[in-house]
PDB file of N, CA and C in Angstrom:
ATOM      1  N   MET A   1      31.141  13.267  -3.102  1.00  0.00           N
ATOM      2  CA  MET A   1      30.804  14.324  -2.167  1.00  0.00           C
ATOM      3  C   MET A   1      29.744  15.236  -2.786  1.00  0.00           C
ATOM      4  N   PRO A   2      28.637  15.440  -2.087  1.00  0.00           N
ATOM      5  CA  PRO A   2      27.576  16.311  -2.621  1.00  0.00           C
ATOM      6  C   PRO A   2      28.063  17.746  -2.813  1.00  0.00           C
ATOM      7  N   THR A   3      27.553  18.367  -3.846  1.00  0.00           N
ATOM      8  CA  THR A   3      27.895  19.754  -4.152  1.00  0.00           C
ATOM      9  C   THR A   3      26.738  20.667  -3.744  1.00  0.00           C
ATOM     10  N   PRO A   4      26.988  21.980  -3.710  1.00  0.00           N
ATOM     11  CA  PRO A   4      25.876  22.904  -3.426  1.00  0.00           C
ATOM     12  C   PRO A   4      24.717  22.755  -4.414  1.00  0.00           C
ATOM     13  N   VAL A   5      25.021  22.419  -5.664  1.00  0.00           N
ATOM     14  CA  VAL A   5      23.961  22.219  -6.663  1.00  0.00           C
ATOM     15  C   VAL A   5      23.110  21.015  -6.285  1.00  0.00           C
ATOM     16  N   ASP A   6      23.755  19.932  -5.779  1.00  0.00           N
ATOM     17  CA  ASP A   6      22.998  18.759  -5.334  1.00  0.00           C
ATOM     18  C   ASP A   6      21.991  19.136  -4.263  1.00  0.00           C
ATOM     19  N   PHE A   7      22.446  19.899  -3.274  1.00  0.00           N
ATOM     20  CA  PHE A   7      21.551  20.301  -2.188  1.00  0.00           C
ATOM     21  C   PHE A   7      20.448  21.235  -2.686  1.00  0.00           C
ATOM     22  N   GLU A   8      20.789  22.106  -3.632  1.00  0.00           N
ATOM     23  CA  GLU A   8      19.774  23.001  -4.199  1.00  0.00           C
ATOM     24  C   GLU A   8      18.713  22.196  -4.955  1.00  0.00           C
ATOM     25  N   ASN A   9      19.143  21.224  -5.763  1.00  0.00           N
ATOM     26  CA  ASN A   9      18.196  20.385  -6.495  1.00  0.00           C
ATOM     27  C   ASN A   9      17.295  19.613  -5.544  1.00  0.00           C
ATOM     28  N   GLN A  10      17.876  19.127  -4.456  1.00  0.00           N
ATOM     29  CA  GLN A  10      17.083  18.383  -3.487  1.00  0.00           C
ATOM     30  C   GLN A  10      16.045  19.294  -2.827  1.00  0.00           C
ATOM     31  N   MET A  11      16.421  20.514  -2.533  1.00  0.00           N
ATOM     32  CA  MET A  11      15.470  21.467  -1.945  1.00  0.00           C
ATOM     33  C   MET A  11      14.330  21.765  -2.919  1.00  0.00           C
ATOM     34  N   ILE A  12      14.634  21.857  -4.214  1.00  0.00           N
ATOM     35  CA  ILE A  12      13.592  22.082  -5.217  1.00  0.00           C
ATOM     36  C   ILE A  12      12.624  20.902  -5.230  1.00  0.00           C
ATOM     37  N   ALA A  13      13.164  19.674  -5.190  1.00  0.00           N
ATOM     38  CA  ALA A  13      12.302  18.484  -5.155  1.00  0.00           C
ATOM     39  C   ALA A  13      11.391  18.516  -3.927  1.00  0.00           C
ATOM     40  N   LYS A  14      11.927  18.888  -2.780  1.00  0.00           N
ATOM     41  CA  LYS A  14      11.121  18.972  -1.558  1.00  0.00           C
ATOM     42  C   LYS A  14      10.035  20.033  -1.698  1.00  0.00           C
ATOM     43  N   GLN A  15      10.380  21.169  -2.304  1.00  0.00           N
ATOM     44  CA  GLN A  15       9.395  22.238  -2.483  1.00  0.00           C
ATOM     45  C   GLN A  15       8.271  21.806  -3.418  1.00  0.00           C
ATOM     46  N   ILE A  16       8.624  21.082  -4.490  1.00  0.00           N
ATOM     47  CA  ILE A  16       7.610  20.566  -5.408  1.00  0.00           C
ATOM     48  C   ILE A  16       6.655  19.665  -4.638  1.00  0.00           C
ATOM     49  N   LEU A  17       7.215  18.732  -3.893  1.00  0.00           N
ATOM     50  CA  LEU A  17       6.384  17.796  -3.138  1.00  0.00           C
ATOM     51  C   LEU A  17       5.511  18.517  -2.119  1.00  0.00           C
ATOM     52  N   GLU A  18       6.103  19.408  -1.353  1.00  0.00           N
ATOM     53  CA  GLU A  18       5.352  20.094  -0.309  1.00  0.00           C
ATOM     54  C   GLU A  18       4.239  20.961  -0.891  1.00  0.00           C
ATOM     55  N   THR A  19       4.456  21.532  -2.070  1.00  0.00           N
ATOM     56  CA  THR A  19       3.409  22.309  -2.743  1.00  0.00           C
ATOM     57  C   THR A  19       2.234  21.410  -3.105  1.00  0.00           C
ATOM     58  N   VAL A  20       2.529  20.255  -3.691  1.00  0.00           N
ATOM     59  CA  VAL A  20       1.468  19.326  -4.101  1.00  0.00           C
ATOM     60  C   VAL A  20       0.717  18.787  -2.884  1.00  0.00           C
ATOM     61  N   VAL A  21       1.450  18.410  -1.854  1.00  0.00           N
ATOM     62  CA  VAL A  21       0.807  17.886  -0.642  1.00  0.00           C
ATOM     63  C   VAL A  21      -0.116  18.943  -0.043  1.00  0.00           C
ATOM     64  N   SER A  22       0.309  20.180  -0.047  1.00  0.00           N
ATOM     65  CA  SER A  22      -0.522  21.271   0.461  1.00  0.00           C
ATOM     66  C   SER A  22      -1.806  21.411  -0.365  1.00  0.00           C
ATOM     67  N   GLU A  23      -1.712  21.247  -1.685  1.00  0.00           N
ATOM     68  CA  GLU A  23      -2.887  21.307  -2.551  1.00  0.00           C
ATOM     69  C   GLU A  23      -3.913  20.240  -2.163  1.00  0.00           C
ATOM     70  N   PHE A  24      -3.422  19.074  -1.715  1.00  0.00           N
ATOM     71  CA  PHE A  24      -4.299  17.974  -1.309  1.00  0.00           C
ATOM     72  C   PHE A  24      -4.735  18.101   0.151  1.00  0.00           C
ATOM     73  N   GLY A  25      -4.288  19.149   0.831  1.00  0.00           N
ATOM     74  CA  GLY A  25      -4.661  19.349   2.222  1.00  0.00           C
ATOM     75  C   GLY A  25      -3.928  18.420   3.183  1.00  0.00           C
ATOM     76  N   GLY A  26      -2.761  17.946   2.768  1.00  0.00           N
ATOM     77  CA  GLY A  26      -1.994  17.011   3.593  1.00  0.00           C
ATOM     78  C   GLY A  26      -0.836  17.665   4.316  1.00  0.00           C
ATOM     79  N   SER A  27      -0.030  16.816   4.932  1.00  0.00           N
ATOM     80  CA  SER A  27       1.144  17.304   5.663  1.00  0.00           C
ATOM     81  C   SER A  27       2.326  16.380   5.394  1.00  0.00           C
ATOM     82  N   VAL A  28       3.524  16.937   5.577  1.00  0.00           N
ATOM     83  CA  VAL A  28       4.772  16.204   5.378  1.00  0.00           C
ATOM     84  C   VAL A  28       5.498  16.145   6.717  1.00  0.00           C
ATOM     85  N   SER A  29       5.956  14.945   7.074  1.00  0.00           N
ATOM     86  CA  SER A  29       6.698  14.782   8.335  1.00  0.00           C
ATOM     87  C   SER A  29       8.105  15.359   8.193  1.00  0.00           C
ATOM     88  N   PHE A  30       8.869  15.222   9.239  1.00  0.00           N
ATOM     89  CA  PHE A  30      10.269  15.630   9.256  1.00  0.00           C
ATOM     90  C   PHE A  30      11.057  14.825   8.225  1.00  0.00           C
ATOM     91  N   TRP A  31      11.929  15.495   7.477  1.00  0.00           N
ATOM     92  CA  TRP A  31      12.764  14.819   6.483  1.00  0.00           C
ATOM     93  C   TRP A  31      13.932  14.107   7.168  1.00  0.00           C
ATOM     94  N   GLU A  32      14.224  12.892   6.714  1.00  0.00           N
ATOM     95  CA  GLU A  32      15.339  12.099   7.239  1.00  0.00           C
ATOM     96  C   GLU A  32      16.298  11.764   6.113  1.00  0.00           C
ATOM     97  N   ARG A  33      17.601  11.846   6.397  1.00  0.00           N
ATOM     98  CA  ARG A  33      18.634  11.515   5.410  1.00  0.00           C
ATOM     99  C   ARG A  33      18.692  10.009   5.209  1.00  0.00           C
ATOM    100  N   SER A  34      18.826   9.587   3.962  1.00  0.00           N
ATOM    101  CA  SER A  34      18.962   8.174   3.639  1.00  0.00           C
ATOM    102  C   SER A  34      20.337   7.676   4.054  1.00  0.00           C
ATOM    103  N   ARG A  35      20.387   6.416   4.423  1.00  0.00           N
ATOM    104  CA  ARG A  35      21.676   5.787   4.731  1.00  0.00           C
ATOM    105  C   ARG A  35      22.232   5.075   3.513  1.00  0.00           C
ATOM    106  N   ALA A  36      21.482   5.082   2.425  1.00  0.00           N
ATOM    107  CA  ALA A  36      21.900   4.424   1.189  1.00  0.00           C
ATOM    108  C   ALA A  36      22.854   5.323   0.400  1.00  0.00           C
ATOM    109  N   ILE A  37      23.390   4.770  -0.645  1.00  0.00           N
ATOM    110  CA  ILE A  37      24.265   5.544  -1.524  1.00  0.00           C
ATOM    111  C   ILE A  37      23.433   6.596  -2.230  1.00  0.00           C
ATOM    112  N   GLY A  38      24.006   7.760  -2.421  1.00  0.00           N
ATOM    113  CA  GLY A  38      23.304   8.853  -3.085  1.00  0.00           C
ATOM    114  C   GLY A  38      22.670   9.774  -2.065  1.00  0.00           C
ATOM    115  N   LEU A  39      22.302  10.922  -2.536  1.00  0.00           N
ATOM    116  CA  LEU A  39      21.736  11.941  -1.654  1.00  0.00           C
ATOM    117  C   LEU A  39      20.220  11.932  -1.779  1.00  0.00           C
ATOM    118  N   TRP A  40      19.564  11.194  -0.886  1.00  0.00           N
ATOM    119  CA  TRP A  40      18.106  11.120  -0.809  1.00  0.00           C
ATOM    120  C   TRP A  40      17.683  11.441   0.618  1.00  0.00           C
ATOM    121  N   ASP A  41      16.621  12.217   0.752  1.00  0.00           N
ATOM    122  CA  ASP A  41      15.966  12.427   2.034  1.00  0.00           C
ATOM    123  C   ASP A  41      14.566  11.842   1.909  1.00  0.00           C
ATOM    124  N   TYR A  42      14.065  11.288   3.023  1.00  0.00           N
ATOM    125  CA  TYR A  42      12.752  10.648   3.020  1.00  0.00           C
ATOM    126  C   TYR A  42      11.858  11.239   4.097  1.00  0.00           C
ATOM    127  N   ALA A  43      10.554  11.198   3.829  1.00  0.00           N
ATOM    128  CA  ALA A  43       9.552  11.686   4.784  1.00  0.00           C
ATOM    129  C   ALA A  43       8.266  10.899   4.558  1.00  0.00           C
ATOM    130  N   ASP A  44       7.330  11.089   5.468  1.00  0.00           N
ATOM    131  CA  ASP A  44       6.004  10.496   5.331  1.00  0.00           C
ATOM    132  C   ASP A  44       5.004  11.609   5.071  1.00  0.00           C
ATOM    133  N   VAL A  45       4.120  11.359   4.129  1.00  0.00           N
ATOM    134  CA  VAL A  45       3.046  12.297   3.799  1.00  0.00           C
ATOM    135  C   VAL A  45       1.749  11.716   4.335  1.00  0.00           C
ATOM    136  N   SER A  46       0.936  12.557   4.931  1.00  0.00           N
ATOM    137  CA  SER A  46      -0.397  12.166   5.386  1.00  0.00           C
ATOM    138  C   SER A  46      -1.427  13.021   4.672  1.00  0.00           C
ATOM    139  N   ILE A  47      -2.348  12.339   3.992  1.00  0.00           N
ATOM    140  CA  ILE A  47      -3.476  13.009   3.341  1.00  0.00           C
ATOM    141  C   ILE A  47      -4.708  12.224   3.749  1.00  0.00           C
ATOM    142  N   GLY A  48      -5.510  12.811   4.621  1.00  0.00           N
ATOM    143  CA  GLY A  48      -6.653  12.084   5.171  1.00  0.00           C
ATOM    144  C   GLY A  48      -6.166  10.834   5.881  1.00  0.00           C
ATOM    145  N   ASP A  49      -6.720   9.674   5.510  1.00  0.00           N
ATOM    146  CA  ASP A  49      -6.335   8.400   6.125  1.00  0.00           C
ATOM    147  C   ASP A  49      -5.157   7.740   5.425  1.00  0.00           C
ATOM    148  N   VAL A  50      -4.614   8.380   4.402  1.00  0.00           N
ATOM    149  CA  VAL A  50      -3.575   7.771   3.573  1.00  0.00           C
ATOM    150  C   VAL A  50      -2.195   8.259   3.998  1.00  0.00           C
ATOM    151  N   SER A  51      -1.282   7.301   4.161  1.00  0.00           N
ATOM    152  CA  SER A  51       0.114   7.596   4.464  1.00  0.00           C
ATOM    153  C   SER A  51       0.965   7.178   3.266  1.00  0.00           C
ATOM    154  N   ILE A  52       1.840   8.066   2.834  1.00  0.00           N
ATOM    155  CA  ILE A  52       2.661   7.838   1.645  1.00  0.00           C
ATOM    156  C   ILE A  52       4.119   8.114   2.001  1.00  0.00           C
ATOM    157  N   ARG A  53       5.012   7.180   1.681  1.00  0.00           N
ATOM    158  CA  ARG A  53       6.450   7.385   1.884  1.00  0.00           C
ATOM    159  C   ARG A  53       6.989   8.095   0.648  1.00  0.00           C
ATOM    160  N   VAL A  54       7.683   9.193   0.863  1.00  0.00           N
ATOM    161  CA  VAL A  54       8.213   9.983  -0.239  1.00  0.00           C
ATOM    162  C   VAL A  54       9.699  10.225  -0.057  1.00  0.00           C
ATOM    163  N   GLY A  55      10.359  10.508  -1.164  1.00  0.00           N
ATOM    164  CA  GLY A  55      11.779  10.821  -1.127  1.00  0.00           C
ATOM    165  C   GLY A  55      12.082  11.993  -2.041  1.00  0.00           C
ATOM    166  N   ALA A  56      13.181  12.682  -1.748  1.00  0.00           N
ATOM    167  CA  ALA A  56      13.646  13.790  -2.585  1.00  0.00           C
ATOM    168  C   ALA A  56      15.135  13.572  -2.844  1.00  0.00           C
ATOM    169  N   SER A  57      15.523  13.598  -4.121  1.00  0.00           N
ATOM    170  CA  SER A  57      16.906  13.303  -4.476  1.00  0.00           C
ATOM    171  C   SER A  57      17.674  14.554  -4.871  1.00  0.00           C
ATOM    172  N   SER A  58      18.980  14.399  -4.938  1.00  0.00           N
ATOM    173  CA  SER A  58      19.848  15.492  -5.388  1.00  0.00           C
ATOM    174  C   SER A  58      19.714  15.710  -6.895  1.00  0.00           C
ATOM    175  N   GLY A  59      19.018  14.807  -7.576  1.00  0.00           N
ATOM    176  CA  GLY A  59      18.748  14.966  -9.000  1.00  0.00           C
ATOM    177  C   GLY A  59      17.427  15.648  -9.269  1.00  0.00           C
ATOM    178  N   CYS A  60      16.811  16.196  -8.220  1.00  0.00           N
ATOM    179  CA  CYS A  60      15.535  16.919  -8.311  1.00  0.00           C
ATOM    180  C   CYS A  60      14.379  15.970  -8.636  1.00  0.00           C
ATOM    181  N   ILE A  61      14.481  14.718  -8.181  1.00  0.00           N
ATOM    182  CA  ILE A  61      13.440  13.720  -8.407  1.00  0.00           C
ATOM    183  C   ILE A  61      12.715  13.454  -7.090  1.00  0.00           C
ATOM    184  N   VAL A  62      11.398  13.310  -7.175  1.00  0.00           N
ATOM    185  CA  VAL A  62      10.566  12.940  -6.029  1.00  0.00           C
ATOM    186  C   VAL A  62      10.131  11.494  -6.218  1.00  0.00           C
ATOM    187  N   SER A  63      10.346  10.667  -5.205  1.00  0.00           N
ATOM    188  CA  SER A  63       9.802   9.306  -5.260  1.00  0.00           C
ATOM    189  C   SER A  63       8.531   9.269  -4.415  1.00  0.00           C
ATOM    190  N   VAL A  64       7.539   8.550  -4.916  1.00  0.00           N
ATOM    191  CA  VAL A  64       6.258   8.408  -4.231  1.00  0.00           C
ATOM    192  C   VAL A  64       6.037   6.918  -4.019  1.00  0.00           C
ATOM    193  N   ASN A  65       6.075   6.502  -2.753  1.00  0.00           N
ATOM    194  CA  ASN A  65       6.012   5.070  -2.420  1.00  0.00           C
ATOM    195  C   ASN A  65       7.058   4.277  -3.200  1.00  0.00           C
ATOM    196  N   GLY A  66       8.247   4.858  -3.318  1.00  0.00           N
ATOM    197  CA  GLY A  66       9.366   4.172  -3.967  1.00  0.00           C
ATOM    198  C   GLY A  66       9.422   4.307  -5.471  1.00  0.00           C
ATOM    199  N   HIS A  67       8.482   5.024  -6.061  1.00  0.00           N
ATOM    200  CA  HIS A  67       8.434   5.156  -7.519  1.00  0.00           C
ATOM    201  C   HIS A  67       8.852   6.565  -7.952  1.00  0.00           C
ATOM    202  N   PRO A  68       9.945   6.684  -8.731  1.00  0.00           N
ATOM    203  CA  PRO A  68      10.388   8.001  -9.187  1.00  0.00           C
ATOM    204  C   PRO A  68       9.706   8.478 -10.467  1.00  0.00           C
ATOM    205  N   PHE A  69       8.739   7.684 -10.960  1.00  0.00           N
ATOM    206  CA  PHE A  69       8.024   8.032 -12.187  1.00  0.00           C
ATOM    207  C   PHE A  69       6.540   8.199 -11.892  1.00  0.00           C
ATOM    208  N   ASP A  70       5.881   9.050 -12.687  1.00  0.00           N
ATOM    209  CA  ASP A  70       4.435   9.204 -12.559  1.00  0.00           C
ATOM    210  C   ASP A  70       3.741   8.075 -13.321  1.00  0.00           C
ATOM    211  N   PRO A  71       2.417   8.000 -13.293  1.00  0.00           N
ATOM    212  CA  PRO A  71       1.708   6.929 -13.994  1.00  0.00           C
ATOM    213  C   PRO A  71       1.972   6.892 -15.511  1.00  0.00           C
ATOM    214  N   ASP A  72       2.417   8.012 -16.085  1.00  0.00           N
ATOM    215  CA  ASP A  72       2.745   8.076 -17.517  1.00  0.00           C
ATOM    216  C   ASP A  72       4.217   7.749 -17.779  1.00  0.00           C
ATOM    217  N   MET A  73       4.913   7.282 -16.743  1.00  0.00           N
ATOM    218  CA  MET A  73       6.332   6.916 -16.811  1.00  0.00           C
ATOM    219  C   MET A  73       7.259   8.103 -17.090  1.00  0.00           C
ATOM    220  N   LYS A  74       6.863   9.282 -16.630  1.00  0.00           N
ATOM    221  CA  LYS A  74       7.708  10.476 -16.695  1.00  0.00           C
ATOM    222  C   LYS A  74       8.297  10.694 -15.308  1.00  0.00           C
ATOM    223  N   HIS A  75       9.521  11.203 -15.266  1.00  0.00           N
ATOM    224  CA  HIS A  75      10.148  11.463 -13.971  1.00  0.00           C
ATOM    225  C   HIS A  75       9.287  12.400 -13.130  1.00  0.00           C
ATOM    226  N   ASN A  76       9.240  12.123 -11.834  1.00  0.00           N
ATOM    227  CA  ASN A  76       8.566  13.011 -10.883  1.00  0.00           C
ATOM    228  C   ASN A  76       9.502  14.181 -10.571  1.00  0.00           C
ATOM    229  N   ASP A  77       9.595  15.125 -11.503  1.00  0.00           N
ATOM    230  CA  ASP A  77      10.492  16.262 -11.321  1.00  0.00           C
ATOM    231  C   ASP A  77       9.783  17.602 -11.542  1.00  0.00           C
ATOM    232  N   ASN A  78       8.439  17.552 -11.511  1.00  0.00           N
ATOM    233  CA  ASN A  78       7.669  18.785 -11.673  1.00  0.00           C
ATOM    234  C   ASN A  78       6.324  18.624 -10.967  1.00  0.00           C
ATOM    235  N   LEU A  79       5.627  19.729 -10.808  1.00  0.00           N
ATOM    236  CA  LEU A  79       4.351  19.711 -10.079  1.00  0.00           C
ATOM    237  C   LEU A  79       3.347  18.739 -10.686  1.00  0.00           C
ATOM    238  N   GLU A  80       3.196  18.759 -11.998  1.00  0.00           N
ATOM    239  CA  GLU A  80       2.194  17.910 -12.646  1.00  0.00           C
ATOM    240  C   GLU A  80       2.468  16.426 -12.420  1.00  0.00           C
ATOM    241  N   SER A  81       3.720  16.007 -12.581  1.00  0.00           N
ATOM    242  CA  SER A  81       4.063  14.588 -12.397  1.00  0.00           C
ATOM    243  C   SER A  81       3.850  14.137 -10.961  1.00  0.00           C
ATOM    244  N   VAL A  82       4.286  14.950 -10.019  1.00  0.00           N
ATOM    245  CA  VAL A  82       4.121  14.591  -8.607  1.00  0.00           C
ATOM    246  C   VAL A  82       2.643  14.577  -8.248  1.00  0.00           C
ATOM    247  N   ARG A  83       1.888  15.512  -8.771  1.00  0.00           N
ATOM    248  CA  ARG A  83       0.440  15.557  -8.536  1.00  0.00           C
ATOM    249  C   ARG A  83      -0.222  14.267  -9.042  1.00  0.00           C
ATOM    250  N   LYS A  84       0.153  13.823 -10.239  1.00  0.00           N
ATOM    251  CA  LYS A  84      -0.398  12.581 -10.802  1.00  0.00           C
ATOM    252  C   LYS A  84      -0.038  11.379  -9.941  1.00  0.00           C
ATOM    253  N   SER A  85       1.191  11.346  -9.455  1.00  0.00           N
ATOM    254  CA  SER A  85       1.632  10.215  -8.630  1.00  0.00           C
ATOM    255  C   SER A  85       0.886  10.155  -7.308  1.00  0.00           C
ATOM    256  N   ILE A  86       0.728  11.304  -6.664  1.00  0.00           N
ATOM    257  CA  ILE A  86      -0.017  11.359  -5.402  1.00  0.00           C
ATOM    258  C   ILE A  86      -1.476  10.975  -5.653  1.00  0.00           C
ATOM    259  N   GLN A  87      -2.062  11.505  -6.723  1.00  0.00           N
ATOM    260  CA  GLN A  87      -3.463  11.198  -7.031  1.00  0.00           C
ATOM    261  C   GLN A  87      -3.653   9.707  -7.266  1.00  0.00           C
ATOM    262  N   LYS A  88      -2.693   9.057  -7.932  1.00  0.00           N
ATOM    263  CA  LYS A  88      -2.801   7.613  -8.165  1.00  0.00           C
ATOM    264  C   LYS A  88      -2.803   6.843  -6.855  1.00  0.00           C
ATOM    265  N   VAL A  89      -1.941   7.229  -5.917  1.00  0.00           N
ATOM    266  CA  VAL A  89      -1.926   6.562  -4.613  1.00  0.00           C
ATOM    267  C   VAL A  89      -3.271   6.742  -3.922  1.00  0.00           C
ATOM    268  N   LEU A  90      -3.819   7.955  -3.967  1.00  0.00           N
ATOM    269  CA  LEU A  90      -5.110   8.212  -3.331  1.00  0.00           C
ATOM    270  C   LEU A  90      -6.234   7.425  -4.010  1.00  0.00           C
ATOM    271  N   ASP A  91      -6.203   7.368  -5.333  1.00  0.00           N
ATOM    272  CA  ASP A  91      -7.218   6.604  -6.067  1.00  0.00           C
ATOM    273  C   ASP A  91      -7.114   5.118  -5.749  1.00  0.00           C
ATOM    274  N   ASP A  92      -5.889   4.585  -5.706  1.00  0.00           N
ATOM    275  CA  ASP A  92      -5.696   3.169  -5.374  1.00  0.00           C
ATOM    276  C   ASP A  92      -6.198   2.865  -3.963  1.00  0.00           C
ATOM    277  N   TYR A  93      -5.910   3.769  -3.041  1.00  0.00           N
ATOM    278  CA  TYR A  93      -6.374   3.589  -1.661  1.00  0.00           C
ATOM    279  C   TYR A  93      -7.904   3.556  -1.633  1.00  0.00           C
ATOM    280  N   ALA A  94      -8.519   4.492  -2.319  1.00  0.00           N
ATOM    281  CA  ALA A  94      -9.991   4.555  -2.324  1.00  0.00           C
ATOM    282  C   ALA A  94     -10.594   3.295  -2.940  1.00  0.00           C
ATOM    283  N   ARG A  95      -9.965   2.780  -3.969  1.00  0.00           N
ATOM    284  CA  ARG A  95     -10.466   1.597  -4.652  1.00  0.00           C
ATOM    285  C   ARG A  95     -10.406   0.370  -3.730  1.00  0.00           C
ATOM    286  N   TRP A  96      -9.376   0.276  -2.902  1.00  0.00           N
ATOM    287  CA  TRP A  96      -9.181  -0.904  -2.051  1.00  0.00           C
ATOM    288  C   TRP A  96      -9.738  -0.752  -0.638  1.00  0.00           C
ATOM    289  N   HIS A  97     -10.197   0.451  -0.292  1.00  0.00           N
ATOM    290  CA  HIS A  97     -10.704   0.687   1.069  1.00  0.00           C
ATOM    291  C   HIS A  97     -12.115   1.268   1.040  1.00  0.00           C
ATOM    292  N   VAL A  98     -12.997   0.587   0.344  1.00  0.00           N
ATOM    293  CA  VAL A  98     -14.381   1.067   0.267  1.00  0.00           C
ATOM    294  C   VAL A  98     -15.226   0.440   1.352  1.00  0.00           C
TER     295      VAL A  98
END
């Protein structure tokens, strides 16, 4: 059973993500509760022509396209890590859609 701390951690993860998405000039869709085990909410991020599936966990982790780690293999649990993960998706998109 989720605790108030779980929900607080999840809200922090969402705030981290929403801050980074705002820096990139993007938007976050409505959050949806996961049907899987564990407390995860998922949303879609739009930045320009790029759509990214993101998640926020009760462990204060942000997943970006299913990856809970940044390109340096550090947990996506802070602004810098989430920023790196989003930037990698954008760079990969640009590389493959020229």
